[in-house]
Amino acid sequence: MAASWVPSVDANSDFSLANIPFGIVTTAANPIPRAATAIGSYVLDLAAVSQHPDFPKLFPSLEGHRDVFAQPSLNAFAALGRPVHRERRS
């Protein structure tokens, strides 16, 4: 398993770097449904991350598709296909 910057990620974690699930989340501070991913015991808000100016440098195939993470389902992201999913997981 690759080393992680997230301290709670280890070989025994359900959400290690080898198993990064996608889902839809809401919070009390932001009740709008949006995409997220679990890493260790943390949740990363993909809608927020996708708005960072450097996001296209990290995920060039998602340029022009940042809005897929702000949707109330993962359908738009799923429709982008496996090459985009693999790039995102890397």
PDB file of N, CA and C in Angstrom:
ATOM      1  N   MET A   1       0.840  -1.177   0.000  1.00  0.00           N
ATOM      2  CA  MET A   1       0.000   0.000   0.000  1.00  0.00           C
ATOM      3  C   MET A   1       0.883   1.237   0.000  1.00  0.00           C
ATOM      4  N   ALA A   2       0.489   2.255  -0.727  1.00  0.00           N
ATOM      5  CA  ALA A   2       1.223   3.511  -0.789  1.00  0.00           C
ATOM      6  C   ALA A   2       1.079   4.268   0.521  1.00  0.00           C
ATOM      7  N   ALA A   3       2.088   5.078   0.832  1.00  0.00           N
ATOM      8  CA  ALA A   3       2.032   5.912   2.022  1.00  0.00           C
ATOM      9  C   ALA A   3       0.974   6.995   1.821  1.00  0.00           C
ATOM     10  N   SER A   4       0.352   7.423   2.906  1.00  0.00           N
ATOM     11  CA  SER A   4      -0.691   8.425   2.832  1.00  0.00           C
ATOM     12  C   SER A   4      -0.382   9.607   3.734  1.00  0.00           C
ATOM     13  N   TRP A   5      -0.844  10.776   3.327  1.00  0.00           N
ATOM     14  CA  TRP A   5      -0.728  11.970   4.158  1.00  0.00           C
ATOM     15  C   TRP A   5      -1.840  12.009   5.199  1.00  0.00           C
ATOM     16  N   VAL A   6      -2.780  11.077   5.125  1.00  0.00           N
ATOM     17  CA  VAL A   6      -3.872  11.006   6.088  1.00  0.00           C
ATOM     18  C   VAL A   6      -3.468  10.020   7.180  1.00  0.00           C
ATOM     19  N   PRO A   7      -3.314  10.506   8.426  1.00  0.00           N
ATOM     20  CA  PRO A   7      -2.792   9.633   9.486  1.00  0.00           C
ATOM     21  C   PRO A   7      -3.626   8.402   9.789  1.00  0.00           C
ATOM     22  N   SER A   8      -4.929   8.423   9.540  1.00  0.00           N
ATOM     23  CA  SER A   8      -5.760   7.281   9.906  1.00  0.00           C
ATOM     24  C   SER A   8      -5.776   6.185   8.842  1.00  0.00           C
ATOM     25  N   VAL A   9      -5.053   6.375   7.755  1.00  0.00           N
ATOM     26  CA  VAL A   9      -5.043   5.369   6.694  1.00  0.00           C
ATOM     27  C   VAL A   9      -3.919   4.375   6.950  1.00  0.00           C
ATOM     28  N   ASP A  10      -4.282   3.136   7.146  1.00  0.00           N
ATOM     29  CA  ASP A  10      -3.289   2.085   7.293  1.00  0.00           C
ATOM     30  C   ASP A  10      -3.827   0.830   6.610  1.00  0.00           C
ATOM     31  N   ALA A  11      -3.083  -0.216   6.679  1.00  0.00           N
ATOM     32  CA  ALA A  11      -3.463  -1.454   5.987  1.00  0.00           C
ATOM     33  C   ALA A  11      -4.787  -2.014   6.502  1.00  0.00           C
ATOM     34  N   ASN A  12      -5.181  -1.680   7.722  1.00  0.00           N
ATOM     35  CA  ASN A  12      -6.415  -2.203   8.295  1.00  0.00           C
ATOM     36  C   ASN A  12      -7.627  -1.304   8.061  1.00  0.00           C
ATOM     37  N   SER A  13      -7.431  -0.179   7.448  1.00  0.00           N
ATOM     38  CA  SER A  13      -8.522   0.763   7.213  1.00  0.00           C
ATOM     39  C   SER A  13      -9.466   0.234   6.133  1.00  0.00           C
ATOM     40  N   ASP A  14     -10.762   0.409   6.349  1.00  0.00           N
ATOM     41  CA  ASP A  14     -11.737   0.033   5.327  1.00  0.00           C
ATOM     42  C   ASP A  14     -11.602   0.913   4.088  1.00  0.00           C
ATOM     43  N   PHE A  15     -11.099   2.122   4.271  1.00  0.00           N
ATOM     44  CA  PHE A  15     -10.982   3.073   3.174  1.00  0.00           C
ATOM     45  C   PHE A  15      -9.522   3.478   2.985  1.00  0.00           C
ATOM     46  N   SER A  16      -8.692   2.479   2.662  1.00  0.00           N
ATOM     47  CA  SER A  16      -7.279   2.728   2.403  1.00  0.00           C
ATOM     48  C   SER A  16      -7.124   3.359   1.030  1.00  0.00           C
ATOM     49  N   LEU A  17      -5.908   3.666   0.633  1.00  0.00           N
ATOM     50  CA  LEU A  17      -5.676   4.244  -0.690  1.00  0.00           C
ATOM     51  C   LEU A  17      -5.991   3.254  -1.802  1.00  0.00           C
ATOM     52  N   ALA A  18      -6.109   1.968  -1.472  1.00  0.00           N
ATOM     53  CA  ALA A  18      -6.488   0.965  -2.469  1.00  0.00           C
ATOM     54  C   ALA A  18      -8.004   0.874  -2.636  1.00  0.00           C
ATOM     55  N   ASN A  19      -8.757   1.447  -1.708  1.00  0.00           N
ATOM     56  CA  ASN A  19     -10.226   1.382  -1.742  1.00  0.00           C
ATOM     57  C   ASN A  19     -10.774   2.752  -1.393  1.00  0.00           C
ATOM     58  N   ILE A  20     -10.850   3.628  -2.375  1.00  0.00           N
ATOM     59  CA  ILE A  20     -11.343   4.982  -2.143  1.00  0.00           C
ATOM     60  C   ILE A  20     -12.754   5.073  -2.717  1.00  0.00           C
ATOM     61  N   PRO A  21     -13.772   4.947  -1.866  1.00  0.00           N
ATOM     62  CA  PRO A  21     -15.147   4.973  -2.357  1.00  0.00           C
ATOM     63  C   PRO A  21     -15.654   6.392  -2.610  1.00  0.00           C
ATOM     64  N   PHE A  22     -16.558   6.505  -3.529  1.00  0.00           N
ATOM     65  CA  PHE A  22     -17.221   7.767  -3.803  1.00  0.00           C
ATOM     66  C   PHE A  22     -18.619   7.710  -3.227  1.00  0.00           C
ATOM     67  N   GLY A  23     -19.142   8.855  -2.823  1.00  0.00           N
ATOM     68  CA  GLY A  23     -20.490   8.917  -2.302  1.00  0.00           C
ATOM     69  C   GLY A  23     -21.011  10.337  -2.348  1.00  0.00           C
ATOM     70  N   ILE A  24     -22.221  10.515  -1.872  1.00  0.00           N
ATOM     71  CA  ILE A  24     -22.863  11.827  -1.796  1.00  0.00           C
ATOM     72  C   ILE A  24     -23.012  12.176  -0.319  1.00  0.00           C
ATOM     73  N   VAL A  25     -22.650  13.408   0.034  1.00  0.00           N
ATOM     74  CA  VAL A  25     -22.706  13.846   1.426  1.00  0.00           C
ATOM     75  C   VAL A  25     -23.449  15.166   1.554  1.00  0.00           C
ATOM     76  N   THR A  26     -23.901  15.413   2.756  1.00  0.00           N
ATOM     77  CA  THR A  26     -24.396  16.725   3.177  1.00  0.00           C
ATOM     78  C   THR A  26     -23.837  16.959   4.573  1.00  0.00           C
ATOM     79  N   THR A  27     -23.800  18.192   4.977  1.00  0.00           N
ATOM     80  CA  THR A  27     -23.387  18.528   6.344  1.00  0.00           C
ATOM     81  C   THR A  27     -24.356  19.567   6.887  1.00  0.00           C
ATOM     82  N   ALA A  28     -24.322  19.776   8.180  1.00  0.00           N
ATOM     83  CA  ALA A  28     -25.161  20.810   8.776  1.00  0.00           C
ATOM     84  C   ALA A  28     -24.778  22.184   8.217  1.00  0.00           C
ATOM     85  N   ALA A  29     -23.501  22.392   7.992  1.00  0.00           N
ATOM     86  CA  ALA A  29     -23.033  23.669   7.462  1.00  0.00           C
ATOM     87  C   ALA A  29     -23.342  23.846   5.981  1.00  0.00           C
ATOM     88  N   ASN A  30     -23.452  22.738   5.243  1.00  0.00           N
ATOM     89  CA  ASN A  30     -23.750  22.796   3.813  1.00  0.00           C
ATOM     90  C   ASN A  30     -24.681  21.628   3.468  1.00  0.00           C
ATOM     91  N   PRO A  31     -25.991  21.852   3.526  1.00  0.00           N
ATOM     92  CA  PRO A  31     -26.949  20.768   3.301  1.00  0.00           C
ATOM     93  C   PRO A  31     -27.165  20.405   1.828  1.00  0.00           C
ATOM     94  N   ILE A  32     -26.425  21.012   0.919  1.00  0.00           N
ATOM     95  CA  ILE A  32     -26.567  20.704  -0.502  1.00  0.00           C
ATOM     96  C   ILE A  32     -25.835  19.395  -0.805  1.00  0.00           C
ATOM     97  N   PRO A  33     -26.523  18.389  -1.351  1.00  0.00           N
ATOM     98  CA  PRO A  33     -25.862  17.109  -1.679  1.00  0.00           C
ATOM     99  C   PRO A  33     -24.754  17.317  -2.709  1.00  0.00           C
ATOM    100  N   ARG A  34     -23.601  16.664  -2.470  1.00  0.00           N
ATOM    101  CA  ARG A  34     -22.446  16.789  -3.358  1.00  0.00           C
ATOM    102  C   ARG A  34     -21.559  15.566  -3.187  1.00  0.00           C
ATOM    103  N   ALA A  35     -20.655  15.386  -4.140  1.00  0.00           N
ATOM    104  CA  ALA A  35     -19.778  14.215  -4.139  1.00  0.00           C
ATOM    105  C   ALA A  35     -18.657  14.363  -3.118  1.00  0.00           C
ATOM    106  N   ALA A  36     -18.289  13.210  -2.578  1.00  0.00           N
ATOM    107  CA  ALA A  36     -17.181  13.149  -1.630  1.00  0.00           C
ATOM    108  C   ALA A  36     -16.537  11.771  -1.754  1.00  0.00           C
ATOM    109  N   THR A  37     -15.398  11.639  -1.112  1.00  0.00           N
ATOM    110  CA  THR A  37     -14.730  10.343  -1.056  1.00  0.00           C
ATOM    111  C   THR A  37     -14.197  10.136   0.353  1.00  0.00           C
ATOM    112  N   ALA A  38     -14.174   8.892   0.787  1.00  0.00           N
ATOM    113  CA  ALA A  38     -13.634   8.558   2.105  1.00  0.00           C
ATOM    114  C   ALA A  38     -12.185   8.139   1.959  1.00  0.00           C
ATOM    115  N   ILE A  39     -11.359   8.679   2.850  1.00  0.00           N
ATOM    116  CA  ILE A  39      -9.957   8.289   2.939  1.00  0.00           C
ATOM    117  C   ILE A  39      -9.672   8.102   4.418  1.00  0.00           C
ATOM    118  N   GLY A  40      -9.468   6.868   4.817  1.00  0.00           N
ATOM    119  CA  GLY A  40      -9.302   6.585   6.240  1.00  0.00           C
ATOM    120  C   GLY A  40     -10.586   6.934   6.973  1.00  0.00           C
ATOM    121  N   SER A  41     -10.486   7.696   8.047  1.00  0.00           N
ATOM    122  CA  SER A  41     -11.670   8.106   8.802  1.00  0.00           C
ATOM    123  C   SER A  41     -12.106   9.521   8.438  1.00  0.00           C
ATOM    124  N   TYR A  42     -11.629  10.028   7.301  1.00  0.00           N
ATOM    125  CA  TYR A  42     -11.967  11.367   6.836  1.00  0.00           C
ATOM    126  C   TYR A  42     -12.810  11.310   5.571  1.00  0.00           C
ATOM    127  N   VAL A  43     -13.531  12.391   5.328  1.00  0.00           N
ATOM    128  CA  VAL A  43     -14.297  12.545   4.093  1.00  0.00           C
ATOM    129  C   VAL A  43     -13.767  13.785   3.388  1.00  0.00           C
ATOM    130  N   LEU A  44     -13.447  13.629   2.111  1.00  0.00           N
ATOM    131  CA  LEU A  44     -12.944  14.734   1.306  1.00  0.00           C
ATOM    132  C   LEU A  44     -14.070  15.218   0.402  1.00  0.00           C
ATOM    133  N   ASP A  45     -14.448  16.481   0.547  1.00  0.00           N
ATOM    134  CA  ASP A  45     -15.519  17.091  -0.242  1.00  0.00           C
ATOM    135  C   ASP A  45     -14.972  17.379  -1.638  1.00  0.00           C
ATOM    136  N   LEU A  46     -15.356  16.570  -2.615  1.00  0.00           N
ATOM    137  CA  LEU A  46     -14.836  16.709  -3.978  1.00  0.00           C
ATOM    138  C   LEU A  46     -15.369  17.949  -4.675  1.00  0.00           C
ATOM    139  N   ALA A  47     -16.565  18.386  -4.311  1.00  0.00           N
ATOM    140  CA  ALA A  47     -17.100  19.617  -4.895  1.00  0.00           C
ATOM    141  C   ALA A  47     -16.225  20.802  -4.495  1.00  0.00           C
ATOM    142  N   ALA A  48     -15.799  20.846  -3.240  1.00  0.00           N
ATOM    143  CA  ALA A  48     -14.929  21.936  -2.776  1.00  0.00           C
ATOM    144  C   ALA A  48     -13.546  21.840  -3.416  1.00  0.00           C
ATOM    145  N   VAL A  49     -12.968  20.642  -3.424  1.00  0.00           N
ATOM    146  CA  VAL A  49     -11.634  20.452  -3.996  1.00  0.00           C
ATOM    147  C   VAL A  49     -11.618  20.799  -5.484  1.00  0.00           C
ATOM    148  N   SER A  50     -12.683  20.476  -6.192  1.00  0.00           N
ATOM    149  CA  SER A  50     -12.718  20.721  -7.635  1.00  0.00           C
ATOM    150  C   SER A  50     -12.711  22.207  -7.980  1.00  0.00           C
ATOM    151  N   GLN A  51     -12.984  23.065  -7.013  1.00  0.00           N
ATOM    152  CA  GLN A  51     -12.972  24.499  -7.263  1.00  0.00           C
ATOM    153  C   GLN A  51     -11.604  25.142  -7.046  1.00  0.00           C
ATOM    154  N   HIS A  52     -10.645  24.378  -6.551  1.00  0.00           N
ATOM    155  CA  HIS A  52      -9.291  24.909  -6.340  1.00  0.00           C
ATOM    156  C   HIS A  52      -8.661  25.234  -7.692  1.00  0.00           C
ATOM    157  N   PRO A  53      -7.945  26.354  -7.809  1.00  0.00           N
ATOM    158  CA  PRO A  53      -7.348  26.732  -9.096  1.00  0.00           C
ATOM    159  C   PRO A  53      -6.409  25.684  -9.700  1.00  0.00           C
ATOM    160  N   ASP A  54      -5.756  24.870  -8.878  1.00  0.00           N
ATOM    161  CA  ASP A  54      -4.825  23.863  -9.385  1.00  0.00           C
ATOM    162  C   ASP A  54      -5.488  22.541  -9.746  1.00  0.00           C
ATOM    163  N   PHE A  55      -6.784  22.416  -9.537  1.00  0.00           N
ATOM    164  CA  PHE A  55      -7.482  21.164  -9.810  1.00  0.00           C
ATOM    165  C   PHE A  55      -7.242  20.648 -11.227  1.00  0.00           C
ATOM    166  N   PRO A  56      -7.328  21.484 -12.275  1.00  0.00           N
ATOM    167  CA  PRO A  56      -7.098  20.971 -13.636  1.00  0.00           C
ATOM    168  C   PRO A  56      -5.670  20.439 -13.860  1.00  0.00           C
ATOM    169  N   LYS A  57      -4.710  20.930 -13.093  1.00  0.00           N
ATOM    170  CA  LYS A  57      -3.342  20.416 -13.216  1.00  0.00           C
ATOM    171  C   LYS A  57      -3.256  18.987 -12.691  1.00  0.00           C
ATOM    172  N   LEU A  58      -4.021  18.689 -11.654  1.00  0.00           N
ATOM    173  CA  LEU A  58      -4.019  17.349 -11.070  1.00  0.00           C
ATOM    174  C   LEU A  58      -4.864  16.366 -11.866  1.00  0.00           C
ATOM    175  N   PHE A  59      -5.967  16.853 -12.425  1.00  0.00           N
ATOM    176  CA  PHE A  59      -6.922  15.998 -13.132  1.00  0.00           C
ATOM    177  C   PHE A  59      -7.314  16.631 -14.461  1.00  0.00           C
ATOM    178  N   PRO A  60      -6.406  16.613 -15.436  1.00  0.00           N
ATOM    179  CA  PRO A  60      -6.687  17.289 -16.709  1.00  0.00           C
ATOM    180  C   PRO A  60      -7.929  16.767 -17.421  1.00  0.00           C
ATOM    181  N   SER A  61      -8.262  15.501 -17.257  1.00  0.00           N
ATOM    182  CA  SER A  61      -9.434  14.967 -17.955  1.00  0.00           C
ATOM    183  C   SER A  61     -10.744  15.513 -17.383  1.00  0.00           C
ATOM    184  N   LEU A  62     -10.689  16.128 -16.215  1.00  0.00           N
ATOM    185  CA  LEU A  62     -11.893  16.694 -15.617  1.00  0.00           C
ATOM    186  C   LEU A  62     -12.061  18.183 -15.921  1.00  0.00           C
ATOM    187  N   GLU A  63     -11.117  18.768 -16.657  1.00  0.00           N
ATOM    188  CA  GLU A  63     -11.266  20.168 -17.048  1.00  0.00           C
ATOM    189  C   GLU A  63     -12.554  20.288 -17.853  1.00  0.00           C
ATOM    190  N   GLY A  64     -13.374  21.237 -17.493  1.00  0.00           N
ATOM    191  CA  GLY A  64     -14.665  21.388 -18.142  1.00  0.00           C
ATOM    192  C   GLY A  64     -15.758  20.528 -17.531  1.00  0.00           C
ATOM    193  N   HIS A  65     -15.383  19.699 -16.549  1.00  0.00           N
ATOM    194  CA  HIS A  65     -16.358  18.804 -15.902  1.00  0.00           C
ATOM    195  C   HIS A  65     -16.347  18.968 -14.385  1.00  0.00           C
ATOM    196  N   ARG A  66     -15.834  20.074 -13.881  1.00  0.00           N
ATOM    197  CA  ARG A  66     -15.767  20.263 -12.431  1.00  0.00           C
ATOM    198  C   ARG A  66     -17.134  20.152 -11.768  1.00  0.00           C
ATOM    199  N   ASP A  67     -18.167  20.501 -12.499  1.00  0.00           N
ATOM    200  CA  ASP A  67     -19.507  20.499 -11.920  1.00  0.00           C
ATOM    201  C   ASP A  67     -20.037  19.101 -11.594  1.00  0.00           C
ATOM    202  N   VAL A  68     -19.388  18.039 -12.089  1.00  0.00           N
ATOM    203  CA  VAL A  68     -19.888  16.692 -11.798  1.00  0.00           C
ATOM    204  C   VAL A  68     -19.868  16.388 -10.307  1.00  0.00           C
ATOM    205  N   PHE A  69     -18.973  17.033  -9.563  1.00  0.00           N
ATOM    206  CA  PHE A  69     -18.881  16.780  -8.130  1.00  0.00           C
ATOM    207  C   PHE A  69     -19.865  17.616  -7.313  1.00  0.00           C
ATOM    208  N   ALA A  70     -20.530  18.548  -7.952  1.00  0.00           N
ATOM    209  CA  ALA A  70     -21.528  19.379  -7.269  1.00  0.00           C
ATOM    210  C   ALA A  70     -22.946  18.876  -7.515  1.00  0.00           C
ATOM    211  N   GLN A  71     -23.093  17.712  -8.114  1.00  0.00           N
ATOM    212  CA  GLN A  71     -24.399  17.135  -8.427  1.00  0.00           C
ATOM    213  C   GLN A  71     -24.910  16.311  -7.240  1.00  0.00           C
ATOM    214  N   PRO A  72     -26.227  16.135  -7.134  1.00  0.00           N
ATOM    215  CA  PRO A  72     -26.788  15.349  -6.034  1.00  0.00           C
ATOM    216  C   PRO A  72     -26.705  13.832  -6.248  1.00  0.00           C
ATOM    217  N   SER A  73     -26.053  13.406  -7.327  1.00  0.00           N
ATOM    218  CA  SER A  73     -25.815  11.978  -7.562  1.00  0.00           C
ATOM    219  C   SER A  73     -24.456  11.846  -8.251  1.00  0.00           C
ATOM    220  N   LEU A  74     -23.984  10.611  -8.378  1.00  0.00           N
ATOM    221  CA  LEU A  74     -22.703  10.358  -9.047  1.00  0.00           C
ATOM    222  C   LEU A  74     -22.886  10.023 -10.525  1.00  0.00           C
ATOM    223  N   ASN A  75     -24.098  10.150 -11.043  1.00  0.00           N
ATOM    224  CA  ASN A  75     -24.380   9.758 -12.419  1.00  0.00           C
ATOM    225  C   ASN A  75     -23.520  10.503 -13.445  1.00  0.00           C
ATOM    226  N   ALA A  76     -23.381  11.812 -13.305  1.00  0.00           N
ATOM    227  CA  ALA A  76     -22.590  12.589 -14.270  1.00  0.00           C
ATOM    228  C   ALA A  76     -21.121  12.172 -14.218  1.00  0.00           C
ATOM    229  N   PHE A  77     -20.601  11.925 -13.028  1.00  0.00           N
ATOM    230  CA  PHE A  77     -19.220  11.463 -12.893  1.00  0.00           C
ATOM    231  C   PHE A  77     -19.070  10.071 -13.494  1.00  0.00           C
ATOM    232  N   ALA A  78     -20.015   9.184 -13.214  1.00  0.00           N
ATOM    233  CA  ALA A  78     -19.962   7.822 -13.753  1.00  0.00           C
ATOM    234  C   ALA A  78     -19.984   7.835 -15.279  1.00  0.00           C
ATOM    235  N   ALA A  79     -20.734   8.742 -15.852  1.00  0.00           N
ATOM    236  CA  ALA A  79     -20.860   8.815 -17.310  1.00  0.00           C
ATOM    237  C   ALA A  79     -19.556   9.225 -17.997  1.00  0.00           C
ATOM    238  N   LEU A  80     -18.609   9.780 -17.250  1.00  0.00           N
ATOM    239  CA  LEU A  80     -17.330  10.191 -17.846  1.00  0.00           C
ATOM    240  C   LEU A  80     -16.450   8.997 -18.207  1.00  0.00           C
ATOM    241  N   GLY A  81     -16.716   7.827 -17.617  1.00  0.00           N
ATOM    242  CA  GLY A  81     -16.018   6.603 -18.012  1.00  0.00           C
ATOM    243  C   GLY A  81     -14.805   6.234 -17.177  1.00  0.00           C
ATOM    244  N   ARG A  82     -14.349   5.003 -17.385  1.00  0.00           N
ATOM    245  CA  ARG A  82     -13.263   4.405 -16.598  1.00  0.00           C
ATOM    246  C   ARG A  82     -11.937   5.171 -16.664  1.00  0.00           C
ATOM    247  N   PRO A  83     -11.501   5.676 -17.816  1.00  0.00           N
ATOM    248  CA  PRO A  83     -10.215   6.405 -17.826  1.00  0.00           C
ATOM    249  C   PRO A  83     -10.220   7.598 -16.860  1.00  0.00           C
ATOM    250  N   VAL A  84     -11.329   8.315 -16.796  1.00  0.00           N
ATOM    251  CA  VAL A  84     -11.432   9.439 -15.879  1.00  0.00           C
ATOM    252  C   VAL A  84     -11.453   8.953 -14.434  1.00  0.00           C
ATOM    253  N   HIS A  85     -12.141   7.848 -14.171  1.00  0.00           N
ATOM    254  CA  HIS A  85     -12.200   7.303 -12.811  1.00  0.00           C
ATOM    255  C   HIS A  85     -10.806   6.863 -12.366  1.00  0.00           C
ATOM    256  N   ARG A  86     -10.071   6.214 -13.242  1.00  0.00           N
ATOM    257  CA  ARG A  86      -8.711   5.769 -12.896  1.00  0.00           C
ATOM    258  C   ARG A  86      -7.814   6.963 -12.595  1.00  0.00           C
ATOM    259  N   GLU A  87      -7.913   8.009 -13.425  1.00  0.00           N
ATOM    260  CA  GLU A  87      -7.102   9.205 -13.182  1.00  0.00           C
ATOM    261  C   GLU A  87      -7.447   9.808 -11.829  1.00  0.00           C
ATOM    262  N   ARG A  88      -8.699   9.883 -11.481  1.00  0.00           N
ATOM    263  CA  ARG A  88      -9.143  10.453 -10.217  1.00  0.00           C
ATOM    264  C   ARG A  88      -8.602   9.631  -9.043  1.00  0.00           C
ATOM    265  N   ARG A  89      -8.638   8.328  -9.153  1.00  0.00           N
ATOM    266  CA  ARG A  89      -8.135   7.489  -8.056  1.00  0.00           C
ATOM    267  C   ARG A  89      -6.621   7.601  -7.884  1.00  0.00           C
ATOM    268  N   SER A  90      -5.924   7.869  -8.974  1.00  0.00           N
ATOM    269  CA  SER A  90      -4.464   7.981  -8.846  1.00  0.00           C
ATOM    270  C   SER A  90      -4.072   9.213  -8.076  1.00  0.00           C
TER     271      SER A  90
END
